[in-house]
C-alpha atoms as a PDB file:
ATOM      1  CA  MET A   1      10.013  34.850  27.983  1.00  0.00           C
ATOM      2  CA  LYS A   2      11.776  37.710  26.219  1.00  0.00           C
ATOM      3  CA  MET A   3      10.283  40.122  28.745  1.00  0.00           C
ATOM      4  CA  ILE A   4      11.587  38.009  31.633  1.00  0.00           C
ATOM      5  CA  MET A   5      15.081  37.862  30.121  1.00  0.00           C
ATOM      6  CA  ALA A   6      15.117  41.477  28.921  1.00  0.00           C
ATOM      7  CA  GLU A   7      17.823  42.669  31.320  1.00  0.00           C
ATOM      8  CA  GLN A   8      20.168  39.897  30.157  1.00  0.00           C
ATOM      9  CA  MET A   9      19.830  40.594  26.450  1.00  0.00           C
ATOM     10  CA  VAL A  10      21.804  42.926  24.207  1.00  0.00           C
ATOM     11  CA  ASP A  11      19.683  45.941  23.281  1.00  0.00           C
ATOM     12  CA  GLU A  12      21.579  47.869  20.603  1.00  0.00           C
ATOM     13  CA  ASN A  13      19.103  50.750  20.705  1.00  0.00           C
ATOM     14  CA  MET A  14      19.499  51.114  24.459  1.00  0.00           C
ATOM     15  CA  ILE A  15      23.306  50.983  24.172  1.00  0.00           C
ATOM     16  CA  GLU A  16      23.205  53.720  21.527  1.00  0.00           C
ATOM     17  CA  LYS A  17      20.983  55.870  23.750  1.00  0.00           C
ATOM     18  CA  ILE A  18      23.288  55.400  26.758  1.00  0.00           C
ATOM     19  CA  MET A  19      26.404  56.201  24.731  1.00  0.00           C
ATOM     20  CA  ARG A  20      24.800  59.250  23.155  1.00  0.00           C
ATOM     21  CA  GLU A  21      23.954  60.648  26.597  1.00  0.00           C
ATOM     22  CA  ALA A  22      27.336  59.656  28.044  1.00  0.00           C
ATOM     23  CA  TRP A  23      29.298  61.286  25.244  1.00  0.00           C
ATOM     24  CA  ALA A  24      27.213  64.443  25.405  1.00  0.00           C
ATOM     25  CA  LEU A  25      28.272  64.765  29.048  1.00  0.00           C
ATOM     26  CA  ILE A  26      31.916  64.057  28.197  1.00  0.00           C
ATOM     27  CA  LYS A  27      31.883  66.648  25.406  1.00  0.00           C
ATOM     28  CA  SER A  28      30.211  69.291  27.557  1.00  0.00           C
ATOM     29  CA  SER A  29      32.821  68.757  30.288  1.00  0.00           C
ATOM     30  CA  GLY A  30      35.734  69.105  27.864  1.00  0.00           C
ATOM     31  CA  ALA A  31      37.478  66.238  29.692  1.00  0.00           C
ATOM     32  CA  LEU A  32      39.095  64.891  26.511  1.00  0.00           C
ATOM     33  CA  ASP A  33      39.366  68.065  24.429  1.00  0.00           C
ATOM     34  CA  GLY A  34      43.024  68.767  25.194  1.00  0.00           C
ATOM     35  CA  LEU A  35      43.995  65.166  24.525  1.00  0.00           C
ATOM     36  CA  VAL A  36      41.852  63.918  21.652  1.00  0.00           C
ATOM     37  CA  PRO A  37      40.738  65.774  18.479  1.00  0.00           C
ATOM     38  CA  ASP A  38      36.997  65.757  17.785  1.00  0.00           C
ATOM     39  CA  GLU A  39      37.206  63.254  14.929  1.00  0.00           C
ATOM     40  CA  GLU A  40      39.191  60.827  17.097  1.00  0.00           C
ATOM     41  CA  GLN A  41      36.703  61.253  19.939  1.00  0.00           C
ATOM     42  CA  ILE A  42      34.030  59.958  17.576  1.00  0.00           C
ATOM     43  CA  GLU A  43      36.174  56.881  16.876  1.00  0.00           C
ATOM     44  CA  ILE A  44      36.610  56.247  20.600  1.00  0.00           C
ATOM     45  CA  ARG A  45      32.912  56.741  21.274  1.00  0.00           C
ATOM     46  CA  ASN A  46      32.031  54.228  18.536  1.00  0.00           C
ATOM     47  CA  PHE A  47      34.568  51.740  19.901  1.00  0.00           C
ATOM     48  CA  PHE A  48      33.077  51.955  23.393  1.00  0.00           C
ATOM     49  CA  ALA A  49      29.589  51.526  21.929  1.00  0.00           C
ATOM     50  CA  LYS A  50      30.706  48.446  19.969  1.00  0.00           C
ATOM     51  CA  ASN A  51      32.261  46.864  23.072  1.00  0.00           C
ATOM     52  CA  TYR A  52      29.838  48.362  25.600  1.00  0.00           C
ATOM     53  CA  VAL A  53      28.661  45.074  27.084  1.00  0.00           C
ATOM     54  CA  GLU A  54      32.175  43.769  27.695  1.00  0.00           C
ATOM     55  CA  ILE A  55      33.512  47.011  29.149  1.00  0.00           C
ATOM     56  CA  THR A  56      30.432  47.265  31.369  1.00  0.00           C
ATOM     57  CA  GLU A  57      31.103  43.775  32.695  1.00  0.00           C
ATOM     58  CA  MET A  58      34.669  44.792  33.564  1.00  0.00           C
ATOM     59  CA  TYR A  59      33.478  47.998  35.228  1.00  0.00           C
ATOM     60  CA  ARG A  60      30.922  46.109  37.310  1.00  0.00           C
ATOM     61  CA  LEU A  61      33.480  43.478  38.259  1.00  0.00           C
ATOM     62  CA  TYR A  62      35.743  46.016  39.957  1.00  0.00           C
ATOM     63  CA  SER A  63      33.300  48.708  41.169  1.00  0.00           C
ATOM     64  CA  PRO A  64      32.081  46.679  44.218  1.00  0.00           C
ATOM     65  CA  VAL A  65      35.605  45.574  45.288  1.00  0.00           C
ATOM     66  CA  ASN A  66      36.303  48.175  47.961  1.00  0.00           C
ATOM     67  CA  SER A  67      32.659  48.911  48.775  1.00  0.00           C
ATOM     68  CA  ARG A  68      31.636  45.316  49.543  1.00  0.00           C
ATOM     69  CA  GLY A  69      29.110  45.380  46.745  1.00  0.00           C
ATOM     70  CA  GLY A  70      27.400  48.519  48.032  1.00  0.00           C
ATOM     71  CA  THR A  71      27.973  50.767  45.031  1.00  0.00           C
ATOM     72  CA  HIS A  72      28.234  50.703  41.262  1.00  0.00           C
ATOM     73  CA  GLU A  73      30.807  53.493  41.158  1.00  0.00           C
ATOM     74  CA  LEU A  74      34.563  53.055  41.011  1.00  0.00           C
ATOM     75  CA  ASP A  75      36.730  54.574  43.738  1.00  0.00           C
ATOM     76  CA  TYR A  76      40.484  55.120  43.573  1.00  0.00           C
ATOM     77  CA  ILE A  77      41.402  51.810  45.239  1.00  0.00           C
ATOM     78  CA  GLU A  78      39.114  49.903  42.878  1.00  0.00           C
ATOM     79  CA  LEU A  79      40.622  51.642  39.847  1.00  0.00           C
ATOM     80  CA  CYS A  80      44.143  50.779  41.038  1.00  0.00           C
ATOM     81  CA  LYS A  81      43.121  47.152  41.556  1.00  0.00           C
ATOM     82  CA  PHE A  82      41.667  47.032  38.051  1.00  0.00           C
ATOM     83  CA  LEU A  83      44.836  48.502  36.507  1.00  0.00           C
ATOM     84  CA  THR A  84      47.262  46.272  38.411  1.00  0.00           C
ATOM     85  CA  GLU A  85      45.328  43.002  38.047  1.00  0.00           C
ATOM     86  CA  THR A  86      44.903  43.516  34.298  1.00  0.00           C
ATOM     87  CA  GLU A  87      48.599  44.535  34.134  1.00  0.00           C
ATOM     88  CA  ILE A  88      47.776  47.853  32.468  1.00  0.00           C
ATOM     89  CA  LEU A  89      49.823  49.937  34.914  1.00  0.00           C
ATOM     90  CA  GLY A  90      51.796  49.042  38.024  1.00  0.00           C
ATOM     91  CA  GLU A  91      51.949  50.727  41.419  1.00  0.00           C
ATOM     92  CA  GLU A  92      54.960  52.783  40.288  1.00  0.00           C
ATOM     93  CA  HIS A  93      52.487  54.880  38.285  1.00  0.00           C
ATOM     94  CA  SER A  94      50.252  55.625  41.288  1.00  0.00           C
ATOM     95  CA  ASN A  95      50.742  59.411  41.073  1.00  0.00           C
ATOM     96  CA  VAL A  96      49.660  59.450  37.436  1.00  0.00           C
ATOM     97  CA  ILE A  97      46.714  57.155  38.182  1.00  0.00           C
ATOM     98  CA  LEU A  98      45.546  59.501  40.940  1.00  0.00           C
ATOM     99  CA  ARG A  99      45.825  62.515  38.624  1.00  0.00           C
ATOM    100  CA  ILE A 100      43.877  60.771  35.865  1.00  0.00           C
ATOM    101  CA  PHE A 101      41.316  59.585  38.415  1.00  0.00           C
ATOM    102  CA  GLY A 102      40.643  63.192  39.423  1.00  0.00           C
ATOM    103  CA  GLU A 103      40.663  64.541  35.859  1.00  0.00           C
ATOM    104  CA  SER A 104      38.111  61.958  34.729  1.00  0.00           C
ATOM    105  CA  HIS A 105      35.360  63.257  37.010  1.00  0.00           C
ATOM    106  CA  VAL A 106      32.986  65.064  34.630  1.00  0.00           C
ATOM    107  CA  ARG A 107      29.999  65.622  36.927  1.00  0.00           C
ATOM    108  CA  GLY A 108      29.401  68.917  38.695  1.00  0.00           C
ATOM    109  CA  THR A 109      30.173  67.929  42.297  1.00  0.00           C
ATOM    110  CA  LYS A 110      33.839  68.225  43.183  1.00  0.00           C
ATOM    111  CA  SER A 111      35.714  66.979  46.228  1.00  0.00           C
ATOM    112  CA  LYS A 112      38.573  68.816  47.909  1.00  0.00           C
ATOM    113  CA  SER A 113      40.667  65.708  47.421  1.00  0.00           C
ATOM    114  CA  SER A 114      40.379  63.700  44.204  1.00  0.00           C
ATOM    115  CA  ILE A 115      41.067  60.473  46.114  1.00  0.00           C
ATOM    116  CA  HIS A 116      37.583  60.758  47.651  1.00  0.00           C
ATOM    117  CA  LEU A 117      35.823  60.928  44.282  1.00  0.00           C
ATOM    118  CA  GLN A 118      34.047  58.018  42.639  1.00  0.00           C
ATOM    119  CA  LEU A 119      33.768  57.384  38.918  1.00  0.00           C
ATOM    120  CA  ASN A 120      30.514  56.384  37.291  1.00  0.00           C
ATOM    121  CA  GLN A 121      30.617  54.413  34.055  1.00  0.00           C
ATOM    122  CA  THR A 122      30.754  57.492  31.837  1.00  0.00           C
ATOM    123  CA  GLU A 123      33.763  58.712  33.800  1.00  0.00           C
ATOM    124  CA  PHE A 124      35.303  55.257  33.519  1.00  0.00           C
ATOM    125  CA  PHE A 125      35.282  55.733  29.727  1.00  0.00           C
ATOM    126  CA  VAL A 126      37.193  58.994  30.219  1.00  0.00           C
ATOM    127  CA  ALA A 127      39.688  57.397  32.616  1.00  0.00           C
ATOM    128  CA  LEU A 128      40.259  54.444  30.291  1.00  0.00           C
ATOM    129  CA  THR A 129      40.940  56.812  27.392  1.00  0.00           C
ATOM    130  CA  LYS A 130      43.429  58.883  29.396  1.00  0.00           C
ATOM    131  CA  ILE A 131      45.161  55.770  30.756  1.00  0.00           C
ATOM    132  CA  ALA A 132      45.475  54.299  27.258  1.00  0.00           C
ATOM    133  CA  ALA A 133      47.004  57.552  25.981  1.00  0.00           C
ATOM    134  CA  TYR A 134      49.456  57.620  28.892  1.00  0.00           C
ATOM    135  CA  LYS A 135      50.490  53.981  28.488  1.00  0.00           C
ATOM    136  CA  TYR A 136      50.885  53.824  24.722  1.00  0.00           C
ATOM    137  CA  ILE A 137      51.692  57.435  23.799  1.00  0.00           C
ATOM    138  CA  THR A 138      53.206  59.357  26.729  1.00  0.00           C
ATOM    139  CA  LEU A 139      55.401  56.501  27.981  1.00  0.00           C
ATOM    140  CA  HIS A 140      56.443  55.721  24.403  1.00  0.00           C
ATOM    141  CA  ARG A 141      57.592  59.293  23.870  1.00  0.00           C
ATOM    142  CA  ARG A 142      59.415  59.365  27.196  1.00  0.00           C
ATOM    143  CA  GLU A 143      61.271  56.165  26.385  1.00  0.00           C
ATOM    144  CA  ASN A 144      62.294  57.527  22.983  1.00  0.00           C
ATOM    145  CA  ALA A 145      63.554  60.747  24.614  1.00  0.00           C
ATOM    146  CA  LYS A 146      65.620  58.762  27.126  1.00  0.00           C
ATOM    147  CA  MET A 147      67.168  56.680  24.354  1.00  0.00           C
ATOM    148  CA  ARG A 148      68.084  59.753  22.315  1.00  0.00           C
ATOM    149  CA  LYS A 149      69.594  61.354  25.409  1.00  0.00           C
ATOM    150  CA  ARG A 150      71.831  58.304  25.843  1.00  0.00           C
ATOM    151  CA  GLY A 151      72.807  58.474  22.191  1.00  0.00           C
ATOM    152  CA  VAL A 152      70.841  55.370  21.301  1.00  0.00           C
ATOM    153  CA  SER A 153      68.557  55.193  18.286  1.00  0.00           C
ATOM    154  CA  ALA A 154      64.962  55.648  19.350  1.00  0.00           C
ATOM    155  CA  SER A 155      62.285  53.101  18.527  1.00  0.00           C
ATOM    156  CA  LYS A 156      61.059  53.365  14.955  1.00  0.00           C
ATOM    157  CA  ALA A 157      57.641  52.028  15.908  1.00  0.00           C
ATOM    158  CA  PRO A 158      55.014  54.673  15.113  1.00  0.00           C
ATOM    159  CA  ILE A 159      53.318  56.361  18.040  1.00  0.00           C
ATOM    160  CA  PRO A 160      49.640  55.365  17.918  1.00  0.00           C
ATOM    161  CA  THR A 161      46.656  57.660  17.885  1.00  0.00           C
ATOM    162  CA  VAL A 162      44.483  57.734  21.008  1.00  0.00           C
ATOM    163  CA  PRO A 163      41.721  55.571  19.407  1.00  0.00           C
ATOM    164  CA  ILE A 164      44.324  52.920  18.557  1.00  0.00           C
ATOM    165  CA  ALA A 165      45.706  53.165  22.107  1.00  0.00           C
ATOM    166  CA  VAL A 166      42.206  52.576  23.504  1.00  0.00           C
ATOM    167  CA  GLU A 167      41.678  49.578  21.229  1.00  0.00           C
ATOM    168  CA  THR A 168      45.106  48.183  22.147  1.00  0.00           C
ATOM    169  CA  ILE A 169      44.498  48.435  25.882  1.00  0.00           C
ATOM    170  CA  TYR A 170      41.203  46.617  25.359  1.00  0.00           C
ATOM    171  CA  LEU A 171      42.663  43.827  23.227  1.00  0.00           C
ATOM    172  CA  GLU A 172      45.855  43.298  25.245  1.00  0.00           C
ATOM    173  CA  HIS A 173      44.607  43.735  28.801  1.00  0.00           C
ATOM    174  CA  ILE A 174      40.819  43.769  29.131  1.00  0.00           C
ATOM    175  CA  LEU A 175      39.648  41.187  26.605  1.00  0.00           C
ATOM    176  CA  PRO A 176      41.886  38.365  27.961  1.00  0.00           C
ATOM    177  CA  VAL A 177      40.239  38.802  31.377  1.00  0.00           C
ATOM    178  CA  LEU A 178      36.750  39.009  29.913  1.00  0.00           C
ATOM    179  CA  GLU A 179      37.236  35.832  27.908  1.00  0.00           C
ATOM    180  CA  LYS A 180      37.589  33.943  31.190  1.00  0.00           C
ATOM    181  CA  MET A 181      34.304  35.346  32.496  1.00  0.00           C
ATOM    182  CA  PRO A 182      30.881  33.760  31.807  1.00  0.00           C
ATOM    183  CA  ALA A 183      29.485  37.051  30.530  1.00  0.00           C
ATOM    184  CA  GLY A 184      29.722  39.518  27.692  1.00  0.00           C
ATOM    185  CA  SER A 185      27.907  40.104  24.432  1.00  0.00           C
ATOM    186  CA  GLU A 186      28.260  36.516  23.161  1.00  0.00           C
ATOM    187  CA  MET A 187      26.565  35.176  26.276  1.00  0.00           C
ATOM    188  CA  ARG A 188      23.794  37.756  26.037  1.00  0.00           C
ATOM    189  CA  ALA A 189      23.332  37.034  22.333  1.00  0.00           C
ATOM    190  CA  ALA A 190      22.956  33.344  23.155  1.00  0.00           C
ATOM    191  CA  LEU A 191      20.348  34.163  25.800  1.00  0.00           C
ATOM    192  CA  SER A 192      18.292  36.036  23.224  1.00  0.00           C
ATOM    193  CA  SER A 193      18.299  33.167  20.710  1.00  0.00           C
ATOM    194  CA  THR A 194      15.032  31.349  20.064  1.00  0.00           C
ATOM    195  CA  ASP A 195      16.448  27.949  21.038  1.00  0.00           C
ATOM    196  CA  VAL A 196      17.681  29.109  24.434  1.00  0.00           C
ATOM    197  CA  LEU A 197      14.512  31.073  25.203  1.00  0.00           C
ATOM    198  CA  LEU A 198      12.400  28.057  24.289  1.00  0.00           C
ATOM    199  CA  LEU A 199      14.506  25.829  26.533  1.00  0.00           C
ATOM    200  CA  PHE A 200      14.072  28.236  29.452  1.00  0.00           C
ATOM    201  CA  TYR A 201      10.340  28.466  28.783  1.00  0.00           C
ATOM    202  CA  GLN A 202       9.971  24.689  28.795  1.00  0.00           C
ATOM    203  CA  HIS A 203      11.661  24.476  32.193  1.00  0.00           C
ATOM    204  CA  LEU A 204      10.472  27.766  33.666  1.00  0.00           C
ATOM    205  CA  ASP A 205       8.712  26.215  36.686  1.00  0.00           C
ATOM    206  CA  GLN A 206      11.777  24.182  37.653  1.00  0.00           C
ATOM    207  CA  LEU A 207      14.101  27.150  37.218  1.00  0.00           C
ATOM    208  CA  CYS A 208      11.852  29.335  39.375  1.00  0.00           C
ATOM    209  CA  THR A 209      11.754  26.648  42.067  1.00  0.00           C
ATOM    210  CA  VAL A 210      15.548  26.423  42.151  1.00  0.00           C
ATOM    211  CA  PHE A 211      15.908  30.208  42.232  1.00  0.00           C
ATOM    212  CA  ILE A 212      13.423  30.602  45.097  1.00  0.00           C
ATOM    213  CA  LYS A 213      15.049  27.788  47.065  1.00  0.00           C
ATOM    214  CA  TYR A 214      18.564  29.196  46.905  1.00  0.00           C
ATOM    215  CA  SER A 215      17.622  32.870  47.194  1.00  0.00           C
ATOM    216  CA  ASP A 216      15.680  32.043  50.377  1.00  0.00           C
ATOM    217  CA  SER A 217      18.553  30.026  51.800  1.00  0.00           C
ATOM    218  CA  ASN A 218      20.918  32.904  51.072  1.00  0.00           C
ATOM    219  CA  GLU A 219      18.657  35.341  52.918  1.00  0.00           C
ATOM    220  CA  LEU A 220      18.426  32.971  55.889  1.00  0.00           C
ATOM    221  CA  SER A 221      22.208  32.595  56.057  1.00  0.00           C
ATOM    222  CA  GLU A 222      22.630  36.401  55.985  1.00  0.00           C
ATOM    223  CA  GLU A 223      20.083  36.824  58.795  1.00  0.00           C
ATOM    224  CA  SER A 224      21.813  34.228  60.967  1.00  0.00           C
ATOM    225  CA  ALA A 225      25.287  35.751  60.340  1.00  0.00           C
END
């Protein structure tokens, strides 16, 4: 039963392997080097590894939006939809979003226009880091500068580090959406529990029958469309 459910379970070793490969690519590209010191990059990498399942669910939720489910990469429209629907950034920041979208592409192939690029999940980590820094650090500094220019005392709230900005964007904007979704690490942990696996095993024939029935009916409806 564990073999059948393998894709639905949390595999910490696999997550570590994926993150190790992803961060090696990010480091070799230098995509974050001008923004985040090496020691803070390690903090961000560990945070993404800790919340990998949840962030992956969010990435997969938005990556098929503009492609009608035909791709698992995020294009510019899908990124904008993600940022606006989670209330991270509004449309008034579209120029910055487009710039970050282009800067987050760490693979070798480049497009003449960044709007035609697509971000894989590794590049989504880069984009999320840059967006968090812009929202909680750059905009904070700009607001303080405006206040000082008007002769008003600037905010005394400390400007966060980039790792804290990443964690804040996750807690304030991503996690509330994820908590409404029937997915994530808690769900996968439940699926890997002995009680749940035993329950599935006891009703495996019935579950297979239901799956075959509805998957066949879905294929028939698509053929007749």
